[in-house]
Every structure is written in C-alpha cells, then in structure tokens.
Amino acid sequence: ALQAYVNGQFTVKRASGKTQKLDVASVPAVEEIPGPWLVRFQAKRGAPPSVTLDSLISWDQHSDPGVKYFSGTATYVKDLDIPDADIGAGSRLLLDLGEVKNLAEVTLNGRDLGICWKPPFRVDITAAAHAGANHLQIAVTNLWPNRLIGDQFLPESQRITWTTFNPYTKDSPTLRSGLLGPVRLLTTVIVPIGG
C-alpha cells in the first residue's frame, strides 16, 4: 500500500521493474497547531516553572533571562482537537514538529511515542489519538551553551553550571533552542497497490 500525506500522482516501481501510476486526491489539508503553548521548565535550571507562548519562538529570543539562557528539558503542553473524520481505517495521523533544537520526546494521551533526534521530526500518533480532545506533551532538550553563556552574567556563587573550561563569554552568540515548529497534523491516506 502507498501511504500518502499529500495529493498528487505517484509512480510505484516494483523490484520486477513494473510500474504503476496512482492518483491520490483525498488527502485532507495539513492542519497547523497554533498557540498558545504552555511550557514547563525543569526545576533548578534558572527558568521560571512555566511560561505561556502565544506562538513558538526560540528560547534565546524570550525576554525572561531564565528562559533565554535555559539549558535542559522543557515540556510543551497543549490540548488538540482531532476531527472524527481523521480517525479510522484507511488513514494514519502523523505529528510533524517542524524544527526542533535539539531532541523531542512526544507523549499523546499519556502514551509515549518515542524520541525524535533528527529531521524530519515526525511521529505516527495513530495508535494514541482519538476523536475529540487529545492531550499532547512534547519534552524538548537543548544543548548547554546558552546556560554557560547566561552564567557569565551571574556571580560565581549563583551560577547554575560548573565546568573546568568554559569557552563562552557574555558576548558569545546564543543557540536557537526549543520547539520552533511549525507543529502540524498530517492525515495520510493509505492507497492499495494492485498486483
């Protein structure tokens, strides 16, 4: 079977060399998942317990220094509504996270759907999704340079990190971090391939 998440004409080539053309026109439109997003930060890392983002931005662009220089894991929480028509036989649901800096662990309705560590940051949510309200959590972990840079603005006794060698200064550029998106719901259509 062909699993298509975009409409169009597809050519399937078998190992025998035989080809078959398939026209797909029934794939629903891609649905972007808008804000707001509740973001909960790891404790004792300098960030507030949580912030609400109206839209997805890199942590280093946030006005709160605790978020700007945060390094660790923060969890994005969102309830999303999945239409009845997107659930059922003959289709699958994919959650496309867009751009992520740097790792993401996806949980839907309490079910762990695994870790994404490279593009495309995409998970199959079919088995965990149901029609109506669904509870989504995306735990994102970044790298630690931003915290090392942020610590340069603090007295030594208040710094959050410690290392024997820190190549970063107050003037070092921060790294993009967090869930950058866009986060999208892709409904795929499964098209049987004839023999």
N, C-alpha and C. Protein backbone atom coordinates (compact mmCIF):
# COMPACT_ATOMS: atom_id res chain seq x y z
N ALA A 1 0.85 -1.19 0.00
CA ALA A 1 0.00 0.00 0.00
C ALA A 1 0.89 1.25 0.00
N LEU A 2 0.36 2.30 -0.56
CA LEU A 2 1.03 3.60 -0.56
C LEU A 2 0.42 4.43 0.55
N GLN A 3 1.26 5.04 1.36
CA GLN A 3 0.79 5.94 2.41
C GLN A 3 1.12 7.36 1.96
N ALA A 4 0.09 8.12 1.57
CA ALA A 4 0.29 9.46 1.02
C ALA A 4 -0.19 10.53 1.99
N TYR A 5 0.65 11.55 2.23
CA TYR A 5 0.22 12.68 3.05
C TYR A 5 0.08 13.96 2.25
N VAL A 6 0.22 13.84 0.92
CA VAL A 6 -0.07 14.94 0.00
C VAL A 6 -0.83 14.37 -1.19
N ASN A 7 -1.66 15.19 -1.81
CA ASN A 7 -2.36 14.78 -3.02
C ASN A 7 -1.42 14.86 -4.20
N GLY A 8 -1.67 14.05 -5.21
CA GLY A 8 -0.85 14.09 -6.42
C GLY A 8 -0.84 12.76 -7.13
N GLN A 9 -0.01 12.67 -8.14
CA GLN A 9 0.15 11.43 -8.89
C GLN A 9 1.47 10.79 -8.48
N PHE A 10 1.41 9.51 -8.18
CA PHE A 10 2.57 8.77 -7.71
C PHE A 10 2.86 7.61 -8.66
N THR A 11 4.12 7.32 -8.84
CA THR A 11 4.53 6.17 -9.64
C THR A 11 5.21 5.18 -8.71
N VAL A 12 4.69 3.96 -8.70
CA VAL A 12 5.24 2.90 -7.88
C VAL A 12 6.02 1.97 -8.80
N LYS A 13 7.25 1.70 -8.45
CA LYS A 13 8.08 0.80 -9.25
C LYS A 13 8.42 -0.42 -8.41
N ARG A 14 8.08 -1.56 -8.94
CA ARG A 14 8.33 -2.81 -8.24
C ARG A 14 9.74 -3.31 -8.54
N ALA A 15 10.18 -4.28 -7.76
CA ALA A 15 11.50 -4.86 -7.98
C ALA A 15 11.61 -5.50 -9.36
N SER A 16 10.48 -5.94 -9.89
CA SER A 16 10.46 -6.57 -11.22
C SER A 16 10.65 -5.55 -12.34
N GLY A 17 10.55 -4.25 -11.98
CA GLY A 17 10.65 -3.19 -12.98
C GLY A 17 9.31 -2.67 -13.44
N LYS A 18 8.24 -3.38 -13.12
CA LYS A 18 6.89 -2.97 -13.50
C LYS A 18 6.51 -1.71 -12.71
N THR A 19 5.89 -0.74 -13.41
CA THR A 19 5.47 0.50 -12.75
C THR A 19 3.95 0.62 -12.78
N GLN A 20 3.46 1.36 -11.81
CA GLN A 20 2.02 1.62 -11.70
C GLN A 20 1.83 3.06 -11.27
N LYS A 21 0.90 3.77 -11.92
CA LYS A 21 0.60 5.15 -11.55
C LYS A 21 -0.64 5.17 -10.66
N LEU A 22 -0.57 5.94 -9.60
CA LEU A 22 -1.68 6.09 -8.66
C LEU A 22 -2.02 7.56 -8.51
N ASP A 23 -3.29 7.89 -8.64
CA ASP A 23 -3.76 9.26 -8.41
C ASP A 23 -4.37 9.33 -7.02
N VAL A 24 -3.89 10.28 -6.21
CA VAL A 24 -4.40 10.47 -4.86
C VAL A 24 -4.97 11.88 -4.76
N ALA A 25 -6.25 11.96 -4.42
CA ALA A 25 -6.90 13.28 -4.34
C ALA A 25 -7.72 13.44 -3.06
N SER A 26 -7.60 12.48 -2.13
CA SER A 26 -8.47 12.51 -0.96
C SER A 26 -7.74 12.82 0.35
N VAL A 27 -6.51 13.30 0.27
CA VAL A 27 -5.76 13.61 1.49
C VAL A 27 -6.27 14.94 2.07
N PRO A 28 -6.69 14.94 3.34
CA PRO A 28 -7.15 16.19 3.96
C PRO A 28 -6.01 17.21 4.04
N ALA A 29 -6.37 18.46 4.12
CA ALA A 29 -5.38 19.54 4.22
C ALA A 29 -4.56 19.39 5.50
N VAL A 30 -3.31 19.82 5.42
CA VAL A 30 -2.44 19.83 6.58
C VAL A 30 -2.99 20.85 7.58
N GLU A 31 -3.00 20.46 8.85
CA GLU A 31 -3.54 21.35 9.89
C GLU A 31 -2.41 21.82 10.80
N GLU A 32 -2.15 23.13 10.81
CA GLU A 32 -1.15 23.67 11.72
C GLU A 32 -1.75 23.81 13.10
N ILE A 33 -0.98 23.45 14.12
CA ILE A 33 -1.46 23.53 15.50
C ILE A 33 -0.96 24.85 16.09
N PRO A 34 -1.87 25.80 16.28
CA PRO A 34 -1.46 27.13 16.74
C PRO A 34 -1.25 27.18 18.26
N GLY A 35 -0.74 28.31 18.73
CA GLY A 35 -0.60 28.55 20.15
C GLY A 35 -1.95 28.90 20.74
N PRO A 36 -2.00 29.15 22.01
CA PRO A 36 -0.85 29.21 22.92
C PRO A 36 -0.38 27.83 23.36
N TRP A 37 0.90 27.82 23.77
CA TRP A 37 1.54 26.62 24.29
C TRP A 37 1.99 26.89 25.72
N LEU A 38 1.66 25.99 26.64
CA LEU A 38 2.19 26.06 27.99
C LEU A 38 3.53 25.33 27.97
N VAL A 39 4.59 25.97 28.49
CA VAL A 39 5.92 25.36 28.51
C VAL A 39 6.38 25.27 29.97
N ARG A 40 6.62 24.05 30.43
CA ARG A 40 7.08 23.79 31.80
C ARG A 40 8.57 23.48 31.78
N PHE A 41 9.32 24.17 32.63
CA PHE A 41 10.78 24.02 32.65
C PHE A 41 11.24 23.17 33.82
N GLN A 42 12.36 22.47 33.61
CA GLN A 42 13.00 21.71 34.69
C GLN A 42 13.33 22.66 35.84
N ALA A 43 13.15 22.15 37.05
CA ALA A 43 13.47 22.95 38.24
C ALA A 43 14.97 23.12 38.40
N LYS A 44 15.36 24.16 39.10
CA LYS A 44 16.75 24.45 39.48
C LYS A 44 17.67 24.64 38.27
N ARG A 45 17.10 25.17 37.18
CA ARG A 45 17.90 25.45 35.99
C ARG A 45 17.86 26.94 35.64
N GLY A 46 17.28 27.76 36.54
CA GLY A 46 17.28 29.20 36.32
C GLY A 46 16.04 29.75 35.64
N ALA A 47 15.18 28.87 35.12
CA ALA A 47 13.97 29.31 34.41
C ALA A 47 12.80 29.36 35.38
N PRO A 48 11.75 30.10 35.02
CA PRO A 48 10.53 30.05 35.83
C PRO A 48 9.90 28.66 35.70
N PRO A 49 8.98 28.30 36.60
CA PRO A 49 8.35 26.98 36.49
C PRO A 49 7.67 26.76 35.13
N SER A 50 7.04 27.82 34.61
CA SER A 50 6.38 27.69 33.31
C SER A 50 6.17 29.07 32.69
N VAL A 51 5.98 29.07 31.38
CA VAL A 51 5.59 30.27 30.63
C VAL A 51 4.55 29.85 29.61
N THR A 52 3.77 30.81 29.14
CA THR A 52 2.83 30.55 28.05
C THR A 52 3.32 31.31 26.83
N LEU A 53 3.46 30.59 25.73
CA LEU A 53 3.90 31.21 24.48
C LEU A 53 2.71 31.29 23.53
N ASP A 54 2.41 32.49 23.05
CA ASP A 54 1.32 32.64 22.08
C ASP A 54 1.67 31.98 20.76
N SER A 55 2.96 32.00 20.42
CA SER A 55 3.45 31.30 19.23
C SER A 55 4.83 30.74 19.57
N LEU A 56 5.27 29.78 18.78
CA LEU A 56 6.55 29.12 19.05
C LEU A 56 7.72 30.03 18.69
N ILE A 57 8.62 30.22 19.65
CA ILE A 57 9.83 31.00 19.43
C ILE A 57 11.01 30.25 20.05
N SER A 58 12.20 30.62 19.62
CA SER A 58 13.40 30.06 20.22
C SER A 58 13.53 30.61 21.64
N TRP A 59 13.93 29.75 22.57
CA TRP A 59 14.08 30.21 23.96
C TRP A 59 15.02 31.40 24.06
N ASP A 60 16.05 31.44 23.23
CA ASP A 60 17.02 32.54 23.34
C ASP A 60 16.45 33.88 22.87
N GLN A 61 15.22 33.89 22.34
CA GLN A 61 14.56 35.13 21.93
C GLN A 61 13.56 35.61 22.98
N HIS A 62 13.42 34.88 24.08
CA HIS A 62 12.46 35.24 25.13
C HIS A 62 13.02 36.37 25.98
N SER A 63 12.13 37.21 26.49
CA SER A 63 12.55 38.37 27.28
C SER A 63 13.03 37.99 28.69
N ASP A 64 12.58 36.87 29.23
CA ASP A 64 12.98 36.43 30.57
C ASP A 64 14.36 35.78 30.47
N PRO A 65 15.38 36.30 31.19
CA PRO A 65 16.72 35.71 31.12
C PRO A 65 16.75 34.23 31.53
N GLY A 66 15.83 33.82 32.41
CA GLY A 66 15.78 32.42 32.82
C GLY A 66 15.41 31.50 31.67
N VAL A 67 14.56 31.99 30.76
CA VAL A 67 14.19 31.23 29.57
C VAL A 67 15.27 31.39 28.50
N LYS A 68 15.72 32.62 28.32
CA LYS A 68 16.73 32.92 27.30
C LYS A 68 17.98 32.05 27.44
N TYR A 69 18.43 31.86 28.68
CA TYR A 69 19.67 31.11 28.92
C TYR A 69 19.42 29.70 29.45
N PHE A 70 18.19 29.22 29.34
CA PHE A 70 17.86 27.89 29.85
C PHE A 70 18.54 26.80 29.03
N SER A 71 19.07 25.81 29.73
CA SER A 71 19.56 24.58 29.10
C SER A 71 19.03 23.41 29.91
N GLY A 72 18.46 22.45 29.22
CA GLY A 72 17.85 21.30 29.89
C GLY A 72 16.64 20.84 29.10
N THR A 73 15.63 20.36 29.82
CA THR A 73 14.41 19.86 29.18
C THR A 73 13.22 20.70 29.62
N ALA A 74 12.44 21.13 28.64
CA ALA A 74 11.19 21.84 28.90
C ALA A 74 10.08 21.11 28.16
N THR A 75 8.90 21.06 28.76
CA THR A 75 7.79 20.31 28.18
C THR A 75 6.69 21.25 27.71
N TYR A 76 6.39 21.13 26.42
CA TYR A 76 5.30 21.89 25.79
C TYR A 76 4.02 21.09 25.98
N VAL A 77 2.97 21.76 26.47
CA VAL A 77 1.71 21.09 26.76
C VAL A 77 0.59 21.78 25.98
N LYS A 78 -0.23 20.97 25.34
CA LYS A 78 -1.30 21.51 24.50
C LYS A 78 -2.40 20.46 24.37
N ASP A 79 -3.64 20.91 24.43
CA ASP A 79 -4.76 20.04 24.09
C ASP A 79 -5.13 20.34 22.65
N LEU A 80 -5.26 19.29 21.86
CA LEU A 80 -5.63 19.50 20.47
C LEU A 80 -6.85 18.66 20.12
N ASP A 81 -7.68 19.24 19.26
CA ASP A 81 -8.90 18.58 18.85
C ASP A 81 -8.66 17.87 17.53
N ILE A 82 -8.96 16.59 17.49
CA ILE A 82 -8.81 15.82 16.26
C ILE A 82 -10.20 15.47 15.75
N PRO A 83 -10.51 15.91 14.53
CA PRO A 83 -11.84 15.64 13.97
C PRO A 83 -12.11 14.15 13.80
N ASP A 84 -13.36 13.79 13.93
CA ASP A 84 -13.82 12.41 13.74
C ASP A 84 -13.38 11.85 12.40
N ALA A 85 -13.42 12.69 11.37
CA ALA A 85 -13.10 12.25 10.01
C ALA A 85 -11.64 11.83 9.85
N ASP A 86 -10.75 12.30 10.75
CA ASP A 86 -9.32 11.97 10.64
C ASP A 86 -8.98 10.64 11.29
N ILE A 87 -9.93 10.05 12.00
CA ILE A 87 -9.70 8.81 12.72
C ILE A 87 -10.40 7.67 11.98
N GLY A 88 -9.72 6.57 11.80
CA GLY A 88 -10.40 5.42 11.22
C GLY A 88 -9.54 4.66 10.24
N ALA A 89 -10.13 3.59 9.75
CA ALA A 89 -9.43 2.71 8.81
C ALA A 89 -9.11 3.47 7.53
N GLY A 90 -7.99 3.13 6.95
CA GLY A 90 -7.62 3.74 5.68
C GLY A 90 -6.85 5.03 5.81
N SER A 91 -6.57 5.44 7.04
CA SER A 91 -5.76 6.66 7.23
C SER A 91 -4.88 6.52 8.46
N ARG A 92 -3.86 7.36 8.49
CA ARG A 92 -2.96 7.42 9.64
C ARG A 92 -2.73 8.88 9.98
N LEU A 93 -2.37 9.15 11.21
CA LEU A 93 -2.10 10.52 11.66
C LEU A 93 -0.63 10.66 12.01
N LEU A 94 0.00 11.68 11.46
CA LEU A 94 1.39 11.99 11.77
C LEU A 94 1.45 13.36 12.42
N LEU A 95 2.28 13.49 13.43
CA LEU A 95 2.53 14.78 14.05
C LEU A 95 3.90 15.24 13.58
N ASP A 96 3.94 16.32 12.84
CA ASP A 96 5.19 16.89 12.33
C ASP A 96 5.55 18.07 13.22
N LEU A 97 6.70 18.00 13.88
CA LEU A 97 7.09 19.03 14.83
C LEU A 97 7.79 20.21 14.17
N GLY A 98 8.09 20.11 12.88
CA GLY A 98 8.82 21.19 12.22
C GLY A 98 10.27 21.17 12.67
N GLU A 99 10.78 22.32 13.09
CA GLU A 99 12.17 22.42 13.55
C GLU A 99 12.23 22.26 15.05
N VAL A 100 13.19 21.47 15.52
CA VAL A 100 13.39 21.21 16.95
C VAL A 100 14.86 21.40 17.26
N LYS A 101 15.14 22.09 18.35
CA LYS A 101 16.51 22.24 18.84
C LYS A 101 16.57 21.73 20.27
N ASN A 102 16.90 20.50 20.54
CA ASN A 102 17.64 19.58 19.72
C ASN A 102 17.01 18.19 19.69
N LEU A 103 16.34 17.78 20.77
CA LEU A 103 15.67 16.48 20.83
C LEU A 103 14.25 16.68 21.32
N ALA A 104 13.34 15.79 20.88
CA ALA A 104 11.95 15.89 21.34
C ALA A 104 11.41 14.51 21.67
N GLU A 105 10.75 14.41 22.81
CA GLU A 105 10.06 13.19 23.20
C GLU A 105 8.56 13.49 23.21
N VAL A 106 7.79 12.74 22.44
CA VAL A 106 6.37 13.03 22.25
C VAL A 106 5.51 12.05 23.04
N THR A 107 4.53 12.60 23.77
CA THR A 107 3.55 11.81 24.51
C THR A 107 2.16 12.32 24.14
N LEU A 108 1.27 11.42 23.76
CA LEU A 108 -0.11 11.80 23.44
C LEU A 108 -1.04 10.95 24.28
N ASN A 109 -1.92 11.62 25.03
CA ASN A 109 -2.89 10.95 25.90
C ASN A 109 -2.21 9.95 26.83
N GLY A 110 -1.02 10.33 27.33
CA GLY A 110 -0.28 9.50 28.27
C GLY A 110 0.54 8.39 27.64
N ARG A 111 0.50 8.27 26.33
CA ARG A 111 1.24 7.20 25.64
C ARG A 111 2.53 7.76 25.06
N ASP A 112 3.67 7.18 25.46
CA ASP A 112 4.98 7.59 24.98
C ASP A 112 5.13 7.15 23.53
N LEU A 113 5.39 8.10 22.64
CA LEU A 113 5.52 7.81 21.21
C LEU A 113 6.96 7.88 20.72
N GLY A 114 7.90 8.00 21.63
CA GLY A 114 9.31 7.93 21.25
C GLY A 114 10.01 9.27 21.18
N ILE A 115 11.29 9.20 20.84
CA ILE A 115 12.16 10.38 20.79
C ILE A 115 12.55 10.67 19.35
N CYS A 116 12.44 11.93 18.98
CA CYS A 116 12.89 12.40 17.66
C CYS A 116 14.22 13.11 17.87
N TRP A 117 15.24 12.72 17.12
CA TRP A 117 16.57 13.31 17.32
C TRP A 117 17.17 13.88 16.05
N LYS A 118 16.45 13.76 14.92
CA LYS A 118 16.93 14.33 13.67
C LYS A 118 15.74 14.57 12.74
N PRO A 119 15.90 15.47 11.76
CA PRO A 119 14.80 15.71 10.82
C PRO A 119 14.51 14.48 9.97
N PRO A 120 13.30 14.25 9.54
CA PRO A 120 12.14 15.06 9.93
C PRO A 120 11.68 14.68 11.33
N PHE A 121 11.37 15.67 12.13
CA PHE A 121 10.90 15.45 13.50
C PHE A 121 9.41 15.11 13.41
N ARG A 122 9.13 13.84 13.16
CA ARG A 122 7.76 13.41 12.84
C ARG A 122 7.49 12.08 13.53
N VAL A 123 6.29 11.97 14.15
CA VAL A 123 5.90 10.72 14.79
C VAL A 123 4.50 10.32 14.34
N ASP A 124 4.28 9.01 14.29
CA ASP A 124 2.97 8.46 13.97
C ASP A 124 2.17 8.42 15.27
N ILE A 125 1.06 9.14 15.30
CA ILE A 125 0.25 9.22 16.53
C ILE A 125 -1.05 8.43 16.42
N THR A 126 -1.21 7.66 15.35
CA THR A 126 -2.46 6.96 15.07
C THR A 126 -2.95 6.13 16.25
N ALA A 127 -2.07 5.33 16.83
CA ALA A 127 -2.48 4.40 17.89
C ALA A 127 -2.88 5.12 19.18
N ALA A 128 -2.39 6.32 19.40
CA ALA A 128 -2.67 7.04 20.65
C ALA A 128 -3.79 8.06 20.51
N ALA A 129 -4.12 8.44 19.29
CA ALA A 129 -5.10 9.51 19.06
C ALA A 129 -6.53 8.99 19.08
N HIS A 130 -7.44 9.87 19.46
CA HIS A 130 -8.86 9.57 19.36
C HIS A 130 -9.60 10.84 18.93
N ALA A 131 -10.80 10.67 18.44
CA ALA A 131 -11.60 11.83 18.03
C ALA A 131 -11.91 12.69 19.24
N GLY A 132 -11.85 14.01 19.05
CA GLY A 132 -12.11 14.94 20.13
C GLY A 132 -10.82 15.46 20.74
N ALA A 133 -10.90 15.80 22.04
CA ALA A 133 -9.75 16.40 22.74
C ALA A 133 -8.66 15.37 23.01
N ASN A 134 -7.43 15.73 22.70
CA ASN A 134 -6.25 14.89 22.93
C ASN A 134 -5.22 15.72 23.68
N HIS A 135 -4.57 15.11 24.66
CA HIS A 135 -3.58 15.82 25.48
C HIS A 135 -2.17 15.52 24.96
N LEU A 136 -1.51 16.56 24.45
CA LEU A 136 -0.20 16.44 23.84
C LEU A 136 0.87 17.03 24.74
N GLN A 137 1.99 16.30 24.89
CA GLN A 137 3.16 16.80 25.60
C GLN A 137 4.38 16.52 24.73
N ILE A 138 5.22 17.56 24.57
CA ILE A 138 6.45 17.42 23.80
C ILE A 138 7.59 17.92 24.67
N ALA A 139 8.42 16.99 25.15
CA ALA A 139 9.56 17.35 26.00
C ALA A 139 10.76 17.61 25.09
N VAL A 140 11.27 18.84 25.12
CA VAL A 140 12.37 19.24 24.25
C VAL A 140 13.61 19.50 25.09
N THR A 141 14.72 18.92 24.66
CA THR A 141 16.01 19.10 25.34
C THR A 141 16.97 19.79 24.39
N ASN A 142 17.61 20.86 24.89
CA ASN A 142 18.58 21.60 24.05
C ASN A 142 20.02 21.30 24.52
N LEU A 143 20.96 22.02 23.95
CA LEU A 143 22.37 21.90 24.34
C LEU A 143 22.67 22.87 25.48
N TRP A 144 23.84 22.78 26.09
CA TRP A 144 24.09 23.60 27.28
C TRP A 144 24.84 24.91 27.07
N PRO A 145 25.30 25.29 25.87
CA PRO A 145 26.00 26.57 25.74
C PRO A 145 25.21 27.79 26.23
N ASN A 146 23.91 27.83 26.02
CA ASN A 146 23.16 29.02 26.46
C ASN A 146 23.25 29.23 27.97
N ARG A 147 23.18 28.13 28.74
CA ARG A 147 23.30 28.27 30.18
C ARG A 147 24.72 28.70 30.57
N LEU A 148 25.73 28.18 29.87
CA LEU A 148 27.10 28.58 30.14
C LEU A 148 27.30 30.07 29.85
N ILE A 149 26.66 30.57 28.79
CA ILE A 149 26.73 31.99 28.46
C ILE A 149 26.00 32.81 29.51
N GLY A 150 24.79 32.38 29.86
CA GLY A 150 23.99 33.11 30.86
C GLY A 150 24.67 33.18 32.21
N ASP A 151 25.39 32.13 32.57
CA ASP A 151 26.08 32.12 33.86
C ASP A 151 27.18 33.18 33.94
N GLN A 152 27.67 33.63 32.80
CA GLN A 152 28.71 34.66 32.80
C GLN A 152 28.19 36.00 33.32
N PHE A 153 26.86 36.17 33.34
CA PHE A 153 26.24 37.39 33.86
C PHE A 153 25.98 37.31 35.36
N LEU A 154 26.21 36.14 35.97
CA LEU A 154 25.91 35.93 37.39
C LEU A 154 27.19 35.84 38.22
N PRO A 155 27.12 36.22 39.50
CA PRO A 155 28.26 35.98 40.38
C PRO A 155 28.52 34.47 40.48
N GLU A 156 29.75 34.08 40.69
CA GLU A 156 30.10 32.65 40.72
C GLU A 156 29.22 31.85 41.67
N SER A 157 28.88 32.42 42.82
CA SER A 157 28.08 31.69 43.81
C SER A 157 26.65 31.42 43.34
N GLN A 158 26.19 32.15 42.33
CA GLN A 158 24.81 31.97 41.84
C GLN A 158 24.72 31.22 40.50
N ARG A 159 25.84 30.81 39.98
CA ARG A 159 25.84 30.13 38.68
C ARG A 159 25.21 28.74 38.79
N ILE A 160 24.59 28.34 37.72
CA ILE A 160 23.86 27.07 37.69
C ILE A 160 24.73 25.93 37.19
N THR A 161 25.69 26.24 36.33
CA THR A 161 26.57 25.21 35.78
C THR A 161 27.99 25.38 36.32
N TRP A 162 28.76 24.32 36.16
CA TRP A 162 30.17 24.38 36.52
C TRP A 162 30.92 23.52 35.53
N THR A 163 32.04 24.02 35.06
CA THR A 163 32.89 23.25 34.16
C THR A 163 34.33 23.70 34.36
N THR A 164 35.26 22.82 34.09
CA THR A 164 36.67 23.18 34.25
C THR A 164 37.13 24.14 33.16
N PHE A 165 36.44 24.14 32.03
CA PHE A 165 36.78 25.05 30.95
C PHE A 165 35.50 25.53 30.28
N ASN A 166 35.33 26.84 30.22
CA ASN A 166 34.14 27.41 29.58
C ASN A 166 34.61 28.30 28.43
N PRO A 167 34.39 27.88 27.19
CA PRO A 167 34.84 28.69 26.05
C PRO A 167 33.92 29.87 25.75
N TYR A 168 32.82 30.01 26.52
CA TYR A 168 31.82 31.05 26.22
C TYR A 168 31.99 32.27 27.12
N THR A 169 31.65 33.43 26.57
CA THR A 169 31.67 34.69 27.32
C THR A 169 30.28 35.31 27.25
N LYS A 170 30.12 36.45 27.91
CA LYS A 170 28.85 37.19 27.85
C LYS A 170 28.50 37.58 26.42
N ASP A 171 29.51 37.75 25.60
CA ASP A 171 29.30 38.21 24.23
C ASP A 171 29.12 37.08 23.22
N SER A 172 29.23 35.83 23.66
CA SER A 172 29.06 34.70 22.73
C SER A 172 27.61 34.67 22.24
N PRO A 173 27.42 34.32 20.96
CA PRO A 173 26.04 34.22 20.46
C PRO A 173 25.34 33.00 21.05
N THR A 174 24.07 33.19 21.42
CA THR A 174 23.29 32.08 21.96
C THR A 174 22.82 31.18 20.81
N LEU A 175 22.46 29.96 21.16
CA LEU A 175 21.97 28.99 20.18
C LEU A 175 20.44 28.97 20.17
N ARG A 176 19.86 28.75 18.99
CA ARG A 176 18.42 28.56 18.91
C ARG A 176 18.07 27.30 19.69
N SER A 177 16.98 27.37 20.44
CA SER A 177 16.61 26.26 21.33
C SER A 177 15.10 26.11 21.42
N GLY A 178 14.67 24.87 21.67
CA GLY A 178 13.26 24.60 21.91
C GLY A 178 12.52 24.07 20.70
N LEU A 179 11.20 24.08 20.81
CA LEU A 179 10.31 23.66 19.74
C LEU A 179 10.02 24.88 18.89
N LEU A 180 10.52 24.87 17.66
CA LEU A 180 10.41 26.04 16.79
C LEU A 180 9.29 25.90 15.77
N GLY A 181 8.90 24.67 15.49
CA GLY A 181 7.76 24.42 14.62
C GLY A 181 8.00 24.75 13.16
N PRO A 182 6.92 24.93 12.40
CA PRO A 182 5.54 24.83 12.87
C PRO A 182 5.15 23.38 13.18
N VAL A 183 4.30 23.21 14.19
CA VAL A 183 3.78 21.88 14.52
C VAL A 183 2.53 21.67 13.67
N ARG A 184 2.52 20.53 12.97
CA ARG A 184 1.40 20.28 12.05
C ARG A 184 0.88 18.86 12.20
N LEU A 185 -0.41 18.71 11.97
CA LEU A 185 -1.05 17.40 11.97
C LEU A 185 -1.27 17.00 10.52
N LEU A 186 -0.68 15.86 10.14
CA LEU A 186 -0.80 15.35 8.77
C LEU A 186 -1.68 14.11 8.80
N THR A 187 -2.72 14.12 8.02
CA THR A 187 -3.55 12.93 7.87
C THR A 187 -3.12 12.25 6.58
N THR A 188 -2.74 11.00 6.67
CA THR A 188 -2.31 10.27 5.49
C THR A 188 -3.42 9.34 5.02
N VAL A 189 -3.41 9.08 3.75
CA VAL A 189 -4.38 8.15 3.17
C VAL A 189 -3.61 6.93 2.69
N ILE A 190 -4.12 5.76 2.99
CA ILE A 190 -3.49 4.51 2.57
C ILE A 190 -4.19 4.04 1.30
N VAL A 191 -3.40 3.95 0.24
CA VAL A 191 -3.93 3.56 -1.07
C VAL A 191 -3.39 2.18 -1.42
N PRO A 192 -4.29 1.19 -1.63
CA PRO A 192 -3.81 -0.15 -2.01
C PRO A 192 -3.13 -0.13 -3.38
N ILE A 193 -2.09 -0.93 -3.49
CA ILE A 193 -1.37 -1.06 -4.76
C ILE A 193 -1.75 -2.41 -5.35
N GLY A 194 -2.28 -2.40 -6.54
CA GLY A 194 -2.70 -3.64 -7.19
C GLY A 194 -1.52 -4.52 -7.54
N GLY A 195 -1.81 -5.79 -7.76
CA GLY A 195 -0.78 -6.77 -8.07
C GLY A 195 -0.45 -6.72 -9.52
